[in-house]
Amino acid sequence: MKETSEERFKRLASARTNTILKRLNTLGNCSNRQVYSYTKKDIEKIFSVIEAKIKQTKARFSFPEEEEFRL
């Protein structure tokens, strides 16, 4: 049976989201100050770029609002 586009989206989006969550957990392992040394500036830079990429990616999924044409 052929997979629908909605089924394919759900399958791929779930798998890719889980991959991202696992990688974020892995990044979180770097927070151990007994093993790693970092500054507040380092952390701000890391999360700034992550948050910017999330915002950019989320915007790609937005549904444009249809506006009525007026002169």
PDB file of N, CA and C in Angstrom:
ATOM      1  N   MET A   1       0.838  -1.174   0.000  1.00  0.00           N
ATOM      2  CA  MET A   1       0.000   0.000   0.000  1.00  0.00           C
ATOM      3  C   MET A   1       0.892   1.249   0.000  1.00  0.00           C
ATOM      4  N   LYS A   2       0.557   2.214  -0.848  1.00  0.00           N
ATOM      5  CA  LYS A   2       1.372   3.413  -0.993  1.00  0.00           C
ATOM      6  C   LYS A   2       1.124   4.387   0.157  1.00  0.00           C
ATOM      7  N   GLU A   3       2.212   4.955   0.646  1.00  0.00           N
ATOM      8  CA  GLU A   3       2.163   5.908   1.747  1.00  0.00           C
ATOM      9  C   GLU A   3       1.661   7.259   1.233  1.00  0.00           C
ATOM     10  N   THR A   4       0.736   7.880   1.964  1.00  0.00           N
ATOM     11  CA  THR A   4       0.246   9.205   1.567  1.00  0.00           C
ATOM     12  C   THR A   4       1.282  10.257   1.948  1.00  0.00           C
ATOM     13  N   SER A   5       1.120  11.446   1.392  1.00  0.00           N
ATOM     14  CA  SER A   5       2.066  12.517   1.714  1.00  0.00           C
ATOM     15  C   SER A   5       1.966  12.894   3.196  1.00  0.00           C
ATOM     16  N   GLU A   6       0.780  12.818   3.783  1.00  0.00           N
ATOM     17  CA  GLU A   6       0.623  13.108   5.208  1.00  0.00           C
ATOM     18  C   GLU A   6       1.315  12.041   6.067  1.00  0.00           C
ATOM     19  N   GLU A   7       1.160  10.785   5.697  1.00  0.00           N
ATOM     20  CA  GLU A   7       1.819   9.699   6.419  1.00  0.00           C
ATOM     21  C   GLU A   7       3.341   9.815   6.314  1.00  0.00           C
ATOM     22  N   ARG A   8       3.829  10.140   5.114  1.00  0.00           N
ATOM     23  CA  ARG A   8       5.264  10.302   4.897  1.00  0.00           C
ATOM     24  C   ARG A   8       5.803  11.466   5.730  1.00  0.00           C
ATOM     25  N   PHE A   9       5.032  12.598   5.749  1.00  0.00           N
ATOM     26  CA  PHE A   9       5.431  13.742   6.559  1.00  0.00           C
ATOM     27  C   PHE A   9       5.527  13.354   8.023  1.00  0.00           C
ATOM     28  N   LYS A  10       4.499  12.702   8.545  1.00  0.00           N
ATOM     29  CA  LYS A  10       4.482  12.322   9.961  1.00  0.00           C
ATOM     30  C   LYS A  10       5.634  11.378  10.302  1.00  0.00           C
ATOM     31  N   ARG A  11       5.904  10.433   9.428  1.00  0.00           N
ATOM     32  CA  ARG A  11       6.988   9.480   9.665  1.00  0.00           C
ATOM     33  C   ARG A  11       8.338  10.186   9.682  1.00  0.00           C
ATOM     34  N   LEU A  12       8.598  10.987   8.650  1.00  0.00           N
ATOM     35  CA  LEU A  12       9.886  11.668   8.545  1.00  0.00           C
ATOM     36  C   LEU A  12      10.050  12.761   9.595  1.00  0.00           C
ATOM     37  N   ALA A  13       8.993  13.553   9.819  1.00  0.00           N
ATOM     38  CA  ALA A  13       9.077  14.634  10.801  1.00  0.00           C
ATOM     39  C   ALA A  13       9.293  14.070  12.203  1.00  0.00           C
ATOM     40  N   SER A  14       8.644  12.973  12.525  1.00  0.00           N
ATOM     41  CA  SER A  14       8.837  12.349  13.840  1.00  0.00           C
ATOM     42  C   SER A  14      10.264  11.852  14.003  1.00  0.00           C
ATOM     43  N   ALA A  15      10.762  11.163  13.004  1.00  0.00           N
ATOM     44  CA  ALA A  15      12.125  10.633  13.075  1.00  0.00           C
ATOM     45  C   ALA A  15      13.152  11.767  13.165  1.00  0.00           C
ATOM     46  N   ARG A  16      12.970  12.799  12.372  1.00  0.00           N
ATOM     47  CA  ARG A  16      13.928  13.911  12.360  1.00  0.00           C
ATOM     48  C   ARG A  16      13.851  14.723  13.650  1.00  0.00           C
ATOM     49  N   THR A  17      12.647  14.892  14.189  1.00  0.00           N
ATOM     50  CA  THR A  17      12.494  15.598  15.464  1.00  0.00           C
ATOM     51  C   THR A  17      13.170  14.813  16.581  1.00  0.00           C
ATOM     52  N   ASN A  18      12.982  13.500  16.607  1.00  0.00           N
ATOM     53  CA  ASN A  18      13.634  12.673  17.621  1.00  0.00           C
ATOM     54  C   ASN A  18      15.151  12.741  17.512  1.00  0.00           C
ATOM     55  N   THR A  19      15.663  12.808  16.294  1.00  0.00           N
ATOM     56  CA  THR A  19      17.107  12.942  16.087  1.00  0.00           C
ATOM     57  C   THR A  19      17.604  14.265  16.668  1.00  0.00           C
ATOM     58  N   ILE A  20      16.875  15.333  16.410  1.00  0.00           N
ATOM     59  CA  ILE A  20      17.260  16.644  16.936  1.00  0.00           C
ATOM     60  C   ILE A  20      17.235  16.636  18.461  1.00  0.00           C
ATOM     61  N   LEU A  21      16.189  16.055  19.046  1.00  0.00           N
ATOM     62  CA  LEU A  21      16.085  16.001  20.507  1.00  0.00           C
ATOM     63  C   LEU A  21      17.233  15.205  21.122  1.00  0.00           C
ATOM     64  N   LYS A  22      17.599  14.106  20.489  1.00  0.00           N
ATOM     65  CA  LYS A  22      18.729  13.309  20.986  1.00  0.00           C
ATOM     66  C   LYS A  22      20.029  14.099  20.904  1.00  0.00           C
ATOM     67  N   ARG A  23      20.200  14.834  19.809  1.00  0.00           N
ATOM     68  CA  ARG A  23      21.418  15.632  19.643  1.00  0.00           C
ATOM     69  C   ARG A  23      21.473  16.771  20.657  1.00  0.00           C
ATOM     70  N   LEU A  24      20.316  17.362  20.992  1.00  0.00           N
ATOM     71  CA  LEU A  24      20.286  18.391  22.018  1.00  0.00           C
ATOM     72  C   LEU A  24      20.661  17.807  23.378  1.00  0.00           C
ATOM     73  N   ASN A  25      20.202  16.597  23.658  1.00  0.00           N
ATOM     74  CA  ASN A  25      20.611  15.925  24.894  1.00  0.00           C
ATOM     75  C   ASN A  25      22.124  15.715  24.911  1.00  0.00           C
ATOM     76  N   THR A  26      22.675  15.349  23.777  1.00  0.00           N
ATOM     77  CA  THR A  26      24.115  15.158  23.661  1.00  0.00           C
ATOM     78  C   THR A  26      24.850  16.478  23.903  1.00  0.00           C
ATOM     79  N   LEU A  27      24.333  17.560  23.335  1.00  0.00           N
ATOM     80  CA  LEU A  27      24.914  18.878  23.576  1.00  0.00           C
ATOM     81  C   LEU A  27      24.851  19.211  25.062  1.00  0.00           C
ATOM     82  N   GLY A  28      23.749  18.860  25.699  1.00  0.00           N
ATOM     83  CA  GLY A  28      23.593  19.109  27.124  1.00  0.00           C
ATOM     84  C   GLY A  28      24.655  18.422  27.964  1.00  0.00           C
ATOM     85  N   ASN A  29      25.192  17.329  27.460  1.00  0.00           N
ATOM     86  CA  ASN A  29      26.267  16.639  28.177  1.00  0.00           C
ATOM     87  C   ASN A  29      27.507  17.517  28.325  1.00  0.00           C
ATOM     88  N   CYS A  30      27.652  18.492  27.453  1.00  0.00           N
ATOM     89  CA  CYS A  30      28.792  19.405  27.524  1.00  0.00           C
ATOM     90  C   CYS A  30      28.668  20.390  28.690  1.00  0.00           C
ATOM     91  N   SER A  31      27.545  20.378  29.388  1.00  0.00           N
ATOM     92  CA  SER A  31      27.347  21.316  30.492  1.00  0.00           C
ATOM     93  C   SER A  31      28.094  20.918  31.753  1.00  0.00           C
ATOM     94  N   ASN A  32      28.660  19.732  31.783  1.00  0.00           N
ATOM     95  CA  ASN A  32      29.372  19.242  32.960  1.00  0.00           C
ATOM     96  C   ASN A  32      30.668  20.033  33.149  1.00  0.00           C
ATOM     97  N   ARG A  33      30.666  20.928  34.126  1.00  0.00           N
ATOM     98  CA  ARG A  33      31.820  21.810  34.359  1.00  0.00           C
ATOM     99  C   ARG A  33      33.028  21.068  34.935  1.00  0.00           C
ATOM    100  N   GLN A  34      32.831  19.866  35.408  1.00  0.00           N
ATOM    101  CA  GLN A  34      33.977  19.086  35.892  1.00  0.00           C
ATOM    102  C   GLN A  34      34.793  18.532  34.725  1.00  0.00           C
ATOM    103  N   VAL A  35      34.166  18.462  33.567  1.00  0.00           N
ATOM    104  CA  VAL A  35      34.825  17.903  32.385  1.00  0.00           C
ATOM    105  C   VAL A  35      35.158  18.989  31.352  1.00  0.00           C
ATOM    106  N   TYR A  36      34.294  20.010  31.259  1.00  0.00           N
ATOM    107  CA  TYR A  36      34.442  21.040  30.225  1.00  0.00           C
ATOM    108  C   TYR A  36      34.543  22.427  30.847  1.00  0.00           C
ATOM    109  N   SER A  37      35.214  23.312  30.139  1.00  0.00           N
ATOM    110  CA  SER A  37      35.340  24.702  30.558  1.00  0.00           C
ATOM    111  C   SER A  37      34.744  25.587  29.466  1.00  0.00           C
ATOM    112  N   TYR A  38      33.876  26.500  29.876  1.00  0.00           N
ATOM    113  CA  TYR A  38      33.226  27.383  28.909  1.00  0.00           C
ATOM    114  C   TYR A  38      32.789  28.649  29.618  1.00  0.00           C
ATOM    115  N   THR A  39      32.530  29.683  28.818  1.00  0.00           N
ATOM    116  CA  THR A  39      32.088  30.965  29.362  1.00  0.00           C
ATOM    117  C   THR A  39      30.608  31.177  29.063  1.00  0.00           C
ATOM    118  N   LYS A  40      30.055  32.154  29.749  1.00  0.00           N
ATOM    119  CA  LYS A  40      28.659  32.524  29.485  1.00  0.00           C
ATOM    120  C   LYS A  40      28.514  32.980  28.028  1.00  0.00           C
ATOM    121  N   LYS A  41      29.532  33.665  27.517  1.00  0.00           N
ATOM    122  CA  LYS A  41      29.516  34.132  26.124  1.00  0.00           C
ATOM    123  C   LYS A  41      29.463  32.943  25.152  1.00  0.00           C
ATOM    124  N   ASP A  42      30.204  31.871  25.452  1.00  0.00           N
ATOM    125  CA  ASP A  42      30.171  30.667  24.617  1.00  0.00           C
ATOM    126  C   ASP A  42      28.754  30.101  24.550  1.00  0.00           C
ATOM    127  N   ILE A  43      28.108  30.019  25.709  1.00  0.00           N
ATOM    128  CA  ILE A  43      26.761  29.444  25.781  1.00  0.00           C
ATOM    129  C   ILE A  43      25.762  30.329  25.050  1.00  0.00           C
ATOM    130  N   GLU A  44      25.877  31.633  25.237  1.00  0.00           N
ATOM    131  CA  GLU A  44      24.990  32.567  24.531  1.00  0.00           C
ATOM    132  C   GLU A  44      25.150  32.438  23.021  1.00  0.00           C
ATOM    133  N   LYS A  45      26.373  32.268  22.559  1.00  0.00           N
ATOM    134  CA  LYS A  45      26.631  32.129  21.119  1.00  0.00           C
ATOM    135  C   LYS A  45      26.017  30.841  20.584  1.00  0.00           C
ATOM    136  N   ILE A  46      26.181  29.742  21.309  1.00  0.00           N
ATOM    137  CA  ILE A  46      25.619  28.447  20.893  1.00  0.00           C
ATOM    138  C   ILE A  46      24.101  28.538  20.776  1.00  0.00           C
ATOM    139  N   PHE A  47      23.459  29.037  21.849  1.00  0.00           N
ATOM    140  CA  PHE A  47      21.999  29.041  21.849  1.00  0.00           C
ATOM    141  C   PHE A  47      21.407  30.124  20.963  1.00  0.00           C
ATOM    142  N   SER A  48      22.166  31.167  20.709  1.00  0.00           N
ATOM    143  CA  SER A  48      21.720  32.195  19.774  1.00  0.00           C
ATOM    144  C   SER A  48      21.582  31.616  18.367  1.00  0.00           C
ATOM    145  N   VAL A  49      22.580  30.864  17.944  1.00  0.00           N
ATOM    146  CA  VAL A  49      22.537  30.289  16.601  1.00  0.00           C
ATOM    147  C   VAL A  49      21.473  29.186  16.513  1.00  0.00           C
ATOM    148  N   ILE A  50      21.300  28.418  17.575  1.00  0.00           N
ATOM    149  CA  ILE A  50      20.262  27.377  17.584  1.00  0.00           C
ATOM    150  C   ILE A  50      18.877  28.023  17.510  1.00  0.00           C
ATOM    151  N   GLU A  51      18.653  29.045  18.337  1.00  0.00           N
ATOM    152  CA  GLU A  51      17.351  29.714  18.343  1.00  0.00           C
ATOM    153  C   GLU A  51      17.055  30.393  17.003  1.00  0.00           C
ATOM    154  N   ALA A  52      18.067  30.973  16.383  1.00  0.00           N
ATOM    155  CA  ALA A  52      17.874  31.606  15.079  1.00  0.00           C
ATOM    156  C   ALA A  52      17.484  30.568  14.029  1.00  0.00           C
ATOM    157  N   LYS A  53      18.127  29.407  14.064  1.00  0.00           N
ATOM    158  CA  LYS A  53      17.816  28.358  13.095  1.00  0.00           C
ATOM    159  C   LYS A  53      16.414  27.809  13.337  1.00  0.00           C
ATOM    160  N   ILE A  54      16.014  27.676  14.591  1.00  0.00           N
ATOM    161  CA  ILE A  54      14.655  27.224  14.897  1.00  0.00           C
ATOM    162  C   ILE A  54      13.636  28.221  14.354  1.00  0.00           C
ATOM    163  N   LYS A  55      13.881  29.510  14.585  1.00  0.00           N
ATOM    164  CA  LYS A  55      12.972  30.547  14.104  1.00  0.00           C
ATOM    165  C   LYS A  55      12.870  30.518  12.574  1.00  0.00           C
ATOM    166  N   GLN A  56      14.007  30.377  11.919  1.00  0.00           N
ATOM    167  CA  GLN A  56      14.043  30.329  10.457  1.00  0.00           C
ATOM    168  C   GLN A  56      13.289  29.103   9.931  1.00  0.00           C
ATOM    169  N   THR A  57      13.509  27.974  10.560  1.00  0.00           N
ATOM    170  CA  THR A  57      12.855  26.737  10.120  1.00  0.00           C
ATOM    171  C   THR A  57      11.356  26.798  10.376  1.00  0.00           C
ATOM    172  N   LYS A  58      10.966  27.303  11.535  1.00  0.00           N
ATOM    173  CA  LYS A  58       9.540  27.421  11.866  1.00  0.00           C
ATOM    174  C   LYS A  58       8.826  28.316  10.855  1.00  0.00           C
ATOM    175  N   ALA A  59       9.474  29.388  10.427  1.00  0.00           N
ATOM    176  CA  ALA A  59       8.881  30.308   9.451  1.00  0.00           C
ATOM    177  C   ALA A  59       8.576  29.606   8.129  1.00  0.00           C
ATOM    178  N   ARG A  60       9.358  28.603   7.801  1.00  0.00           N
ATOM    179  CA  ARG A  60       9.119  27.863   6.557  1.00  0.00           C
ATOM    180  C   ARG A  60       7.819  27.077   6.616  1.00  0.00           C
ATOM    181  N   PHE A  61       7.339  26.779   7.816  1.00  0.00           N
ATOM    182  CA  PHE A  61       6.113  26.016   7.992  1.00  0.00           C
ATOM    183  C   PHE A  61       4.878  26.896   8.156  1.00  0.00           C
ATOM    184  N   SER A  62       5.038  28.206   8.157  1.00  0.00           N
ATOM    185  CA  SER A  62       3.896  29.087   8.408  1.00  0.00           C
ATOM    186  C   SER A  62       2.893  29.028   7.262  1.00  0.00           C
ATOM    187  N   PHE A  63       1.652  29.247   7.635  1.00  0.00           N
ATOM    188  CA  PHE A  63       0.574  29.283   6.653  1.00  0.00           C
ATOM    189  C   PHE A  63       0.284  30.752   6.354  1.00  0.00           C
ATOM    190  N   PRO A  64       0.521  31.166   5.111  1.00  0.00           N
ATOM    191  CA  PRO A  64       0.291  32.570   4.778  1.00  0.00           C
ATOM    192  C   PRO A  64      -1.197  32.911   4.895  1.00  0.00           C
ATOM    193  N   GLU A  65      -1.468  34.040   5.512  1.00  0.00           N
ATOM    194  CA  GLU A  65      -2.853  34.470   5.634  1.00  0.00           C
ATOM    195  C   GLU A  65      -3.283  35.114   4.327  1.00  0.00           C
ATOM    196  N   GLU A  66      -4.440  34.689   3.862  1.00  0.00           N
ATOM    197  CA  GLU A  66      -4.950  35.254   2.617  1.00  0.00           C
ATOM    198  C   GLU A  66      -5.593  36.598   2.926  1.00  0.00           C
ATOM    199  N   GLU A  67      -5.128  37.592   2.242  1.00  0.00           N
ATOM    200  CA  GLU A  67      -5.674  38.924   2.443  1.00  0.00           C
ATOM    201  C   GLU A  67      -6.523  39.297   1.240  1.00  0.00           C
ATOM    202  N   GLU A  68      -7.597  39.995   1.516  1.00  0.00           N
ATOM    203  CA  GLU A  68      -8.488  40.417   0.455  1.00  0.00           C
ATOM    204  C   GLU A  68      -7.822  41.582  -0.288  1.00  0.00           C
ATOM    205  N   PHE A  69      -7.891  41.526  -1.606  1.00  0.00           N
ATOM    206  CA  PHE A  69      -7.289  42.569  -2.424  1.00  0.00           C
ATOM    207  C   PHE A  69      -8.110  43.849  -2.336  1.00  0.00           C
ATOM    208  N   ARG A  70      -7.422  44.970  -2.181  1.00  0.00           N
ATOM    209  CA  ARG A  70      -8.075  46.293  -2.175  1.00  0.00           C
ATOM    210  C   ARG A  70      -7.205  47.281  -2.917  1.00  0.00           C
ATOM    211  N   LEU A  71      -7.854  48.199  -3.550  1.00  0.00           N
ATOM    212  CA  LEU A  71      -7.149  49.318  -4.197  1.00  0.00           C
ATOM    213  C   LEU A  71      -7.266  50.548  -3.340  1.00  0.00           C
TER     214      LEU A  71
END
